[in-house]
Protein backbone atom coordinates (compact mmCIF):
# COMPACT_ATOMS: atom_id res chain seq x y z
CA MET A 1 -32.62 -23.90 -34.94
CA ARG A 2 -31.14 -24.43 -31.89
CA ASN A 3 -30.04 -21.23 -30.18
CA LYS A 4 -33.88 -20.10 -31.37
CA ASN A 5 -35.24 -22.54 -29.03
CA PHE A 6 -33.07 -21.73 -26.38
CA PHE A 7 -33.53 -18.06 -26.08
CA TRP A 8 -37.54 -18.82 -26.74
CA LEU A 9 -37.39 -21.17 -23.33
CA PHE A 10 -35.08 -18.22 -22.03
CA LYS A 11 -37.44 -15.62 -22.61
CA ILE A 12 -40.37 -17.82 -21.11
CA LEU A 13 -38.35 -18.12 -17.91
CA ILE A 14 -37.08 -14.56 -17.45
CA PHE A 15 -40.77 -12.71 -18.79
CA PRO A 16 -43.52 -15.44 -17.62
CA LYS A 17 -46.75 -15.18 -19.39
CA LYS A 18 -49.36 -13.43 -17.93
CA HIS A 19 -51.27 -15.92 -16.36
CA SER A 20 -47.86 -17.17 -14.15
CA ARG A 21 -48.29 -14.49 -12.07
CA TYR A 22 -46.80 -15.79 -9.23
CA GLN A 23 -43.49 -17.30 -11.50
CA HIS A 24 -43.61 -13.33 -12.25
CA LYS A 25 -43.32 -11.93 -8.73
CA ARG A 26 -40.82 -14.40 -7.72
CA LEU A 27 -38.72 -13.11 -10.02
CA ILE A 28 -38.94 -9.52 -9.20
CA ASN A 29 -38.95 -10.92 -5.46
CA SER A 30 -36.18 -12.63 -5.72
CA ALA A 31 -34.16 -9.66 -7.51
CA ILE A 32 -35.53 -7.20 -4.80
CA LEU A 33 -33.70 -9.39 -2.20
CA VAL A 34 -30.60 -10.00 -3.98
CA ALA A 35 -30.32 -6.14 -4.35
CA LEU A 36 -31.00 -5.45 -0.46
CA VAL A 37 -27.76 -7.95 -0.02
CA MET A 38 -25.89 -5.86 -2.31
CA ILE A 39 -26.79 -2.31 -0.85
CA PRO A 40 -25.42 -2.61 2.80
CA LEU A 41 -22.63 -4.70 1.54
CA VAL A 42 -21.41 -2.23 -0.83
CA LEU A 43 -21.87 0.96 1.14
CA SER A 44 -19.64 -1.27 4.12
CA LEU A 45 -16.90 -2.04 1.59
CA LEU A 46 -16.85 1.58 0.57
CA PHE A 47 -17.19 2.99 3.87
CA MET A 48 -14.51 0.46 5.53
CA ASP A 49 -12.10 1.51 2.16
CA GLY A 50 -12.72 5.56 2.45
CA MET A 51 -12.25 5.57 6.21
CA ILE A 52 -8.67 3.55 5.77
CA ASN A 53 -7.80 5.69 3.06
CA ALA A 54 -8.60 8.86 4.39
CA ILE A 55 -6.94 7.53 8.13
CA ILE A 56 -3.78 6.27 6.02
CA ALA A 57 -3.70 10.19 4.21
CA LYS A 58 -3.48 11.92 7.49
CA TYR A 59 -0.88 9.61 8.91
CA VAL A 60 1.27 10.16 5.72
CA THR A 61 0.72 13.64 5.53
CA LEU A 62 0.82 14.82 8.81
CA ALA A 63 2.64 12.27 11.06
CA ASP A 64 5.41 10.93 9.13
CA GLY A 65 5.14 11.57 4.97
CA HIS A 66 5.61 9.13 2.38
CA LEU A 67 9.49 8.66 3.11
CA GLN A 68 11.71 9.68 5.78
CA ILE A 69 15.58 10.59 4.62
CA TYR A 70 17.97 10.82 7.50
CA SER A 71 20.72 12.68 5.84
CA ASN A 72 20.89 16.73 6.24
CA ASP A 73 22.53 16.90 2.69
CA GLU A 74 20.81 20.02 0.96
CA LYS A 75 20.87 19.12 -1.99
CA ILE A 76 18.03 16.96 -1.38
CA GLU A 77 15.35 19.89 -1.45
CA GLN A 78 17.09 20.72 -4.90
CA PHE A 79 16.48 17.18 -6.23
CA ALA A 80 12.51 17.51 -4.70
CA GLN A 81 12.08 20.60 -6.52
CA GLN A 82 13.49 18.87 -9.47
CA SER A 83 11.61 15.65 -9.40
CA ASP A 84 8.07 15.00 -10.66
CA ALA A 85 6.86 12.29 -8.54
CA ILE A 86 7.92 14.79 -4.95
CA LEU A 87 4.90 16.62 -4.32
CA SER A 88 7.29 18.62 -1.09
CA SER A 89 10.13 18.04 0.84
CA ASP A 90 10.79 19.47 4.16
CA PHE A 91 13.65 19.56 7.36
CA VAL A 92 11.84 18.34 10.51
CA VAL A 93 12.84 17.43 14.05
CA SER A 94 11.32 14.91 15.95
CA SER A 95 10.89 13.39 19.65
CA TYR A 96 8.77 12.66 22.85
CA ALA A 97 8.31 14.19 25.55
CA ILE A 98 5.12 14.02 28.42
CA ILE A 99 2.80 17.10 28.57
CA TYR A 100 1.17 17.77 31.37
CA SER A 101 -1.42 20.25 33.40
CA LYS A 102 -2.26 20.56 37.13
CA GLU A 103 -4.44 17.08 36.60
CA VAL A 104 -3.71 15.54 33.55
CA THR A 105 -0.18 14.15 31.62
CA SER A 106 -0.01 12.60 28.36
CA GLU A 107 2.91 11.40 26.57
CA VAL A 108 3.13 13.03 22.72
CA LYS A 109 5.48 13.18 19.94
CA ILE A 110 6.66 16.68 18.90
CA LYS A 111 7.54 17.33 15.30
CA GLY A 112 9.75 20.85 14.91
CA VAL A 113 8.51 22.28 11.55
CA LYS A 114 8.55 25.70 9.51
CA GLU A 115 5.26 27.62 8.83
CA SER A 116 5.88 26.65 5.13
CA TYR A 117 5.50 22.99 6.49
CA PHE A 118 1.43 23.40 6.10
CA ASN A 119 1.44 22.90 2.37
CA GLN A 120 -2.17 22.73 0.56
CA SER A 121 -2.69 18.97 1.04
CA ARG A 122 -1.81 19.18 4.63
CA ASP A 123 -4.35 22.27 5.39
CA GLU A 124 -6.82 20.03 3.47
CA GLN A 125 -6.25 17.52 6.12
CA LEU A 126 -7.21 19.39 9.49
CA SER A 127 -9.09 22.90 10.55
CA VAL A 128 -6.47 25.11 12.03
CA GLU A 129 -7.73 27.88 14.91
CA GLY A 130 -5.49 30.64 15.21
CA PRO A 131 -1.81 31.38 13.38
CA TYR A 132 0.58 28.36 12.49
CA LEU A 133 3.48 28.54 15.01
CA HIS A 134 3.26 32.13 15.44
CA LYS A 135 6.27 32.82 17.72
CA GLU A 136 5.99 35.79 20.66
CA GLY A 137 8.98 36.02 23.25
CA ASN A 138 11.06 34.03 24.16
CA LEU A 139 8.69 30.67 25.05
CA SER A 140 8.90 27.76 22.52
CA SER A 141 5.74 27.91 19.88
CA VAL A 142 3.45 24.97 19.72
CA MET A 143 0.50 23.65 18.14
CA ILE A 144 -1.62 21.06 19.52
CA SER A 145 -4.86 19.57 18.91
CA LYS A 146 -8.61 20.54 20.15
CA THR A 147 -8.39 16.96 21.82
CA LEU A 148 -5.23 17.99 24.26
CA ALA A 149 -6.70 21.25 24.35
CA ASP A 150 -9.67 19.63 25.89
CA THR A 151 -8.06 17.11 28.23
CA LEU A 152 -5.43 19.89 29.31
CA ASN A 153 -8.23 22.69 29.50
CA VAL A 154 -6.08 24.91 27.80
CA LYS A 155 -6.64 27.72 24.59
CA VAL A 156 -5.15 29.83 22.15
CA GLY A 157 -2.42 32.18 24.00
CA GLU A 158 -2.44 30.26 27.05
CA ARG A 159 1.17 27.96 28.44
CA VAL A 160 1.77 24.36 28.45
CA ALA A 161 4.34 22.38 30.32
CA PHE A 162 6.40 19.60 28.50
CA MET A 163 8.84 17.23 30.13
CA VAL A 164 11.43 16.09 27.59
CA VAL A 165 11.95 12.59 27.41
CA PRO A 166 15.92 12.12 27.43
CA ASP A 167 17.70 10.44 24.48
CA ARG A 168 20.90 8.46 24.60
CA SER A 169 22.85 12.12 24.53
CA VAL A 170 20.76 13.18 27.48
CA SER A 171 20.50 11.82 30.64
CA VAL A 172 18.40 14.35 32.41
CA VAL A 173 14.92 15.39 32.10
CA ARG A 174 14.03 19.30 30.99
CA PRO A 175 11.02 20.72 31.69
CA VAL A 176 9.96 23.44 28.84
CA LEU A 177 7.55 26.14 28.93
CA ALA A 178 5.55 26.41 26.23
CA ASN A 179 3.13 29.08 24.47
CA VAL A 180 -0.19 27.73 22.38
CA SER A 181 0.09 29.59 19.45
CA SER A 182 -2.85 27.54 17.21
CA ILE A 183 -5.20 24.53 17.79
CA TYR A 184 -5.93 21.76 15.17
CA HIS A 185 -7.92 19.25 14.63
CA THR A 186 -8.33 16.25 12.17
CA GLY A 187 -11.10 14.39 13.29
CA TYR A 188 -9.19 11.50 14.11
CA TYR A 189 -8.41 10.47 17.67
CA GLU A 190 -5.77 8.39 17.72
CA LEU A 191 -3.71 11.06 16.07
CA ASP A 192 -4.94 13.74 17.91
CA ASN A 193 -4.37 12.48 20.98
CA ASN A 194 -0.24 12.12 20.39
CA LEU A 195 0.98 14.74 17.70
CA VAL A 196 2.18 18.49 18.45
CA PHE A 197 3.97 20.36 16.23
CA MET A 198 6.34 22.79 17.37
CA ASN A 199 8.62 25.57 16.17
CA TYR A 200 11.53 24.55 14.04
CA ALA A 201 14.28 26.62 15.52
CA ASP A 202 12.69 26.36 19.12
CA ALA A 203 12.46 22.11 18.36
CA LEU A 204 16.41 21.89 16.98
CA ARG A 205 17.29 24.07 19.74
CA LEU A 206 15.58 21.11 22.05
CA PHE A 207 15.82 18.37 20.31
CA GLY A 208 18.63 18.66 17.40
CA LYS A 209 20.74 15.60 17.80
CA ALA A 210 21.22 13.43 14.55
CA ASP A 211 19.10 10.68 15.07
CA ASN A 212 16.00 13.46 15.51
CA THR A 213 16.39 15.12 12.28
CA TYR A 214 15.34 13.89 8.91
CA GLN A 215 13.95 15.14 5.53
CA GLU A 216 10.44 14.31 5.09
CA ILE A 217 8.75 13.56 1.49
CA LEU A 218 5.40 13.94 0.55
CA VAL A 219 5.06 11.84 -2.83
CA LYS A 220 2.43 12.85 -5.56
CA SER A 221 -0.46 10.07 -5.28
CA LYS A 222 -0.04 8.81 -8.59
CA ASN A 223 3.35 7.78 -7.31
CA VAL A 224 3.01 6.12 -4.01
CA ASN A 225 3.82 2.66 -5.17
CA GLU A 226 7.04 4.25 -6.58
CA LEU A 227 9.23 5.17 -3.77
CA GLY A 228 11.89 2.58 -3.81
CA LYS A 229 12.27 4.31 -7.20
CA ILE A 230 12.65 7.25 -5.72
CA VAL A 231 14.69 6.32 -3.11
CA ASP A 232 17.33 4.87 -5.71
CA ASP A 233 16.85 7.95 -8.10
CA LEU A 234 17.89 10.17 -4.95
CA LYS A 235 20.82 7.82 -4.35
CA ASN A 236 22.33 8.42 -7.44
CA TYR A 237 21.47 12.34 -7.29
CA LEU A 238 23.28 12.51 -4.25
CA GLU A 239 26.23 9.75 -5.39
CA ASN A 240 25.87 8.90 -1.97
CA ASP A 241 24.27 6.39 0.35
CA PHE A 242 21.92 6.92 3.07
CA SER A 243 19.50 5.66 5.41
CA TRP A 244 15.72 5.93 5.02
CA ALA A 245 12.26 4.85 5.68
CA THR A 246 8.86 4.81 4.26
CA TRP A 247 5.39 5.40 6.39
CA ASP A 248 4.32 1.84 6.78
CA MET A 249 7.61 0.87 7.95
CA PHE A 250 7.88 3.14 11.48
CA ASN A 251 4.22 2.60 11.90
CA GLN A 252 3.91 -1.21 11.40
CA SER A 253 1.49 -1.81 13.84
CA VAL A 254 -0.77 1.09 12.79
CA TYR A 255 -0.26 -0.30 9.28
CA GLN A 256 -0.73 -4.19 9.90
CA ASN A 257 -3.62 -3.13 11.85
CA PHE A 258 -5.30 -1.93 8.78
CA VAL A 259 -4.32 -4.51 6.19
CA THR A 260 -5.35 -7.08 8.75
CA SER A 261 -8.86 -5.38 9.54
CA ARG A 262 -9.33 -5.00 5.48
CA GLN A 263 -8.78 -8.76 5.07
CA VAL A 264 -10.82 -10.10 7.84
CA ILE A 265 -13.71 -7.42 6.95
CA LEU A 266 -12.99 -9.11 3.23
CA VAL A 267 -13.63 -12.64 4.53
CA ILE A 268 -16.71 -11.76 6.17
CA PHE A 269 -17.88 -10.07 3.06
CA LEU A 270 -17.05 -13.29 1.13
CA LEU A 271 -18.96 -15.43 4.04
CA ILE A 272 -22.04 -12.74 3.38
CA LEU A 273 -22.06 -13.51 -0.37
CA VAL A 274 -21.52 -17.43 0.30
CA VAL A 275 -25.29 -17.47 2.77
CA ALA A 276 -26.82 -15.28 -0.36
CA ALA A 277 -25.67 -17.63 -3.20
CA ILE A 278 -27.19 -20.36 -0.94
CA TYR A 279 -30.54 -18.39 -1.31
CA VAL A 280 -30.05 -17.73 -4.75
CA SER A 281 -29.88 -21.28 -5.66
CA SER A 282 -33.11 -21.66 -4.15
CA ILE A 283 -34.46 -19.79 -6.63
CA ALA A 284 -33.25 -22.18 -9.25
CA GLN A 285 -34.82 -25.11 -6.96
CA GLU A 286 -37.85 -23.35 -6.82
CA GLN A 287 -37.99 -22.53 -10.87
CA VAL A 288 -37.39 -26.59 -11.50
CA GLN A 289 -39.67 -27.50 -9.28
CA ASP A 290 -42.83 -25.68 -11.01
CA SER A 291 -41.47 -26.53 -13.88
CA ILE A 292 -41.47 -30.32 -13.63
CA GLN A 293 -44.24 -31.24 -16.34
CA ASN A 294 -42.76 -28.83 -18.49
CA ILE A 295 -39.00 -29.99 -18.13
CA ALA A 296 -40.73 -33.00 -19.04
CA MET A 297 -43.04 -31.86 -22.08
CA LEU A 298 -39.43 -30.68 -23.50
CA LYS A 299 -37.62 -33.95 -22.93
CA VAL A 300 -40.43 -35.53 -24.81
CA LEU A 301 -39.99 -33.23 -27.63
CA GLY A 302 -36.06 -33.78 -27.88
CA SER A 303 -34.61 -31.03 -25.75
CA THR A 304 -31.50 -32.56 -24.33
CA ASN A 305 -30.58 -31.75 -20.57
CA SER A 306 -27.50 -29.80 -21.49
CA PHE A 307 -30.26 -27.37 -23.61
CA LEU A 308 -32.75 -27.02 -20.44
CA TYR A 309 -29.56 -26.85 -18.22
CA TYR A 310 -28.35 -23.68 -19.47
CA SER A 311 -31.73 -22.17 -20.29
CA TYR A 312 -32.12 -22.19 -16.81
CA PHE A 313 -29.13 -21.35 -15.61
CA GLY A 314 -29.12 -18.06 -17.82
CA ALA A 315 -32.12 -16.90 -16.39
CA VAL A 316 -31.60 -17.46 -13.09
CA MET A 317 -28.18 -15.73 -13.48
CA VAL A 318 -29.97 -12.80 -15.15
CA THR A 319 -32.08 -12.37 -12.81
CA ILE A 320 -29.28 -12.62 -10.40
CA VAL A 321 -27.35 -9.59 -11.97
CA ILE A 322 -30.02 -7.05 -12.63
CA GLY A 323 -30.70 -7.72 -8.62
CA MET A 324 -27.05 -6.53 -8.08
CA VAL A 325 -26.77 -4.10 -10.54
CA THR A 326 -29.80 -2.31 -8.91
CA GLY A 327 -28.35 -3.12 -5.49
CA ILE A 328 -24.85 -1.22 -6.41
CA ALA A 329 -26.71 1.34 -8.21
CA LEU A 330 -28.69 2.26 -5.32
CA ALA A 331 -25.76 1.74 -3.04
CA ILE A 332 -23.51 4.30 -4.68
CA LEU A 333 -26.49 7.16 -4.98
CA ILE A 334 -26.60 6.52 -1.20
CA ALA A 335 -22.81 7.01 -0.75
CA LYS A 336 -22.63 9.71 -2.27
CA GLN A 337 -25.15 11.42 0.09
CA LEU A 338 -23.31 10.06 3.13
CA SER A 339 -20.23 12.39 3.67
CA PRO A 340 -22.52 15.26 4.85
CA LEU A 341 -24.16 12.49 7.66
CA LEU A 342 -20.52 11.48 8.61
CA HIS A 343 -19.82 15.21 9.07
CA TYR A 344 -22.47 15.74 11.34
CA ILE A 345 -22.15 12.76 13.22
CA SER A 346 -18.63 13.67 13.84
CA THR A 347 -19.22 17.00 15.00
CA LYS A 348 -21.19 15.13 18.17
CA GLU A 349 -18.26 13.76 19.29
CA ILE A 350 -19.90 10.21 20.34
CA ALA A 351 -17.41 8.93 22.86
CA ALA A 352 -17.79 5.65 21.09
CA LEU A 353 -16.88 6.73 17.77
CA ARG A 354 -14.08 8.70 18.58
CA TYR A 355 -11.53 5.66 17.22
CA TYR A 356 -13.26 6.12 14.01
CA LEU A 357 -12.69 8.53 11.05
CA LEU A 358 -16.14 10.06 10.12
CA ASP A 359 -15.00 13.07 8.28
CA PHE A 360 -13.92 12.00 5.28
CA LYS A 361 -14.86 12.40 1.83
CA LEU A 362 -16.55 8.93 0.66
CA VAL A 363 -14.73 7.64 -2.88
CA ILE A 364 -16.25 5.40 -4.83
CA ALA A 365 -13.90 2.38 -5.59
CA TYR A 366 -15.02 0.91 -8.59
CA LYS A 367 -12.07 -1.58 -8.15
CA ASP A 368 -13.66 -2.91 -5.24
CA ILE A 369 -16.97 -2.89 -6.04
CA LEU A 370 -16.16 -5.19 -9.42
CA PHE A 371 -14.13 -7.41 -6.37
CA ILE A 372 -17.69 -8.06 -5.12
CA PHE A 373 -19.83 -8.09 -8.17
CA PHE A 374 -17.13 -10.88 -9.89
CA SER A 375 -16.92 -12.99 -6.43
CA MET A 376 -20.75 -13.28 -6.16
CA ILE A 377 -21.31 -14.15 -9.65
CA VAL A 378 -18.52 -16.89 -9.25
CA ILE A 379 -20.30 -17.63 -6.10
CA SER A 380 -23.63 -17.64 -7.31
CA ALA A 381 -22.94 -19.70 -10.74
CA ILE A 382 -21.26 -22.54 -8.81
CA ALA A 383 -24.72 -22.67 -5.59
CA VAL A 384 -27.09 -22.56 -9.29
CA ARG A 385 -24.95 -25.40 -10.87
CA PHE A 386 -25.26 -27.71 -8.00
CA ALA A 387 -29.18 -26.53 -7.73
CA LEU A 388 -29.85 -27.18 -11.22
CA LYS A 389 -28.55 -30.75 -11.19
CA ARG A 390 -32.28 -31.94 -10.64
CA VAL A 391 -32.84 -30.92 -14.52
CA LYS A 392 -31.09 -33.96 -15.67
CA THR A 393 -33.02 -36.50 -13.25
CA ILE A 394 -36.24 -35.84 -14.77
CA SER A 395 -38.06 -37.97 -16.47
CA PRO A 396 -40.44 -37.52 -19.34
CA LEU A 397 -42.54 -39.65 -17.67
CA LYS A 398 -43.34 -36.82 -15.35
CA LEU A 399 -45.68 -36.06 -17.92
CA LEU A 400 -48.09 -38.65 -16.82
CA GLN A 401 -48.12 -37.36 -13.33
CA GLN A 402 -50.95 -34.90 -12.25
CA ASP A 403 -50.71 -31.98 -10.20
């Protein structure tokens, strides 16, 4: 009987009678406002996660790999071919130089790679004008970014000059001429601004010291959290120890910036949810204020404080959930249409946006959406709980008061 009464009151609160137009309209408006809060919040979260993940993917795939193994043992490639976790394994030569034209100089990272380095995974991360590192004549063959090409005012087939930065084994500065065989574009300014690919044989001749050569390994997406295990398996396979590093180790500042940015943004999101919860608590207060005499009547008829409290609590939370689900659904629909718009904006090369990666496929991160959803539920439940304390203070004598 008690449950029947609970659902009767709950139904009246959620679906007011036709003559209670104000209450009905207020519930609809409340749900709409909650939805309007959720739409930009979820879109911002999806954009943040999508952009950070896309930037990390470009750094990992093009700049550093998931793992760098500082060993020239040919058995590493045999292990990579046999492993179900490894996507590719490539010998790489890497060093730094200064690239310059008549008016502009810039410090760049040079990666010596073979044409086979640009597999399907790497092809998906960039667009290329011209053949990959095709060499003609005796000059070194390089592939530079569109950003650098525009800065230096060079095109495919033209020459650029490098001043090789000396290392511990070389005390002199060496000038190098190179031919631009192709121009690539990743869409991310920070990466494009300092990464140059060179023909592997030329780079090996220029930088072929032990400190500059390593094996760059890409792992499959499902195995990115198993890098330590992959290294242990490789050590057992080689029966030898070696130096190694993961991409976040030698890009610690970049990786830490991503982690910090994400944490700060999540804190901001939680603060927004707190503000939204304060608004939600006002919904509960208004419902109680409009129902003072009804609550007093129910108390006269024997309703307990807990019965009334949970009835109003359930009605408010259902309104919130309806608004949240509606807002999240609309945000996901909008997000699925954002990628073409972001791609269009990226083609405009707006200077203020060049430090952001805009040309990426926005993936729906359901785990993060659930985090926002349940965070809102918990914060709202706490706020509504405090707002409904007034139910206990309403006396049956209120029934004698006139509006």
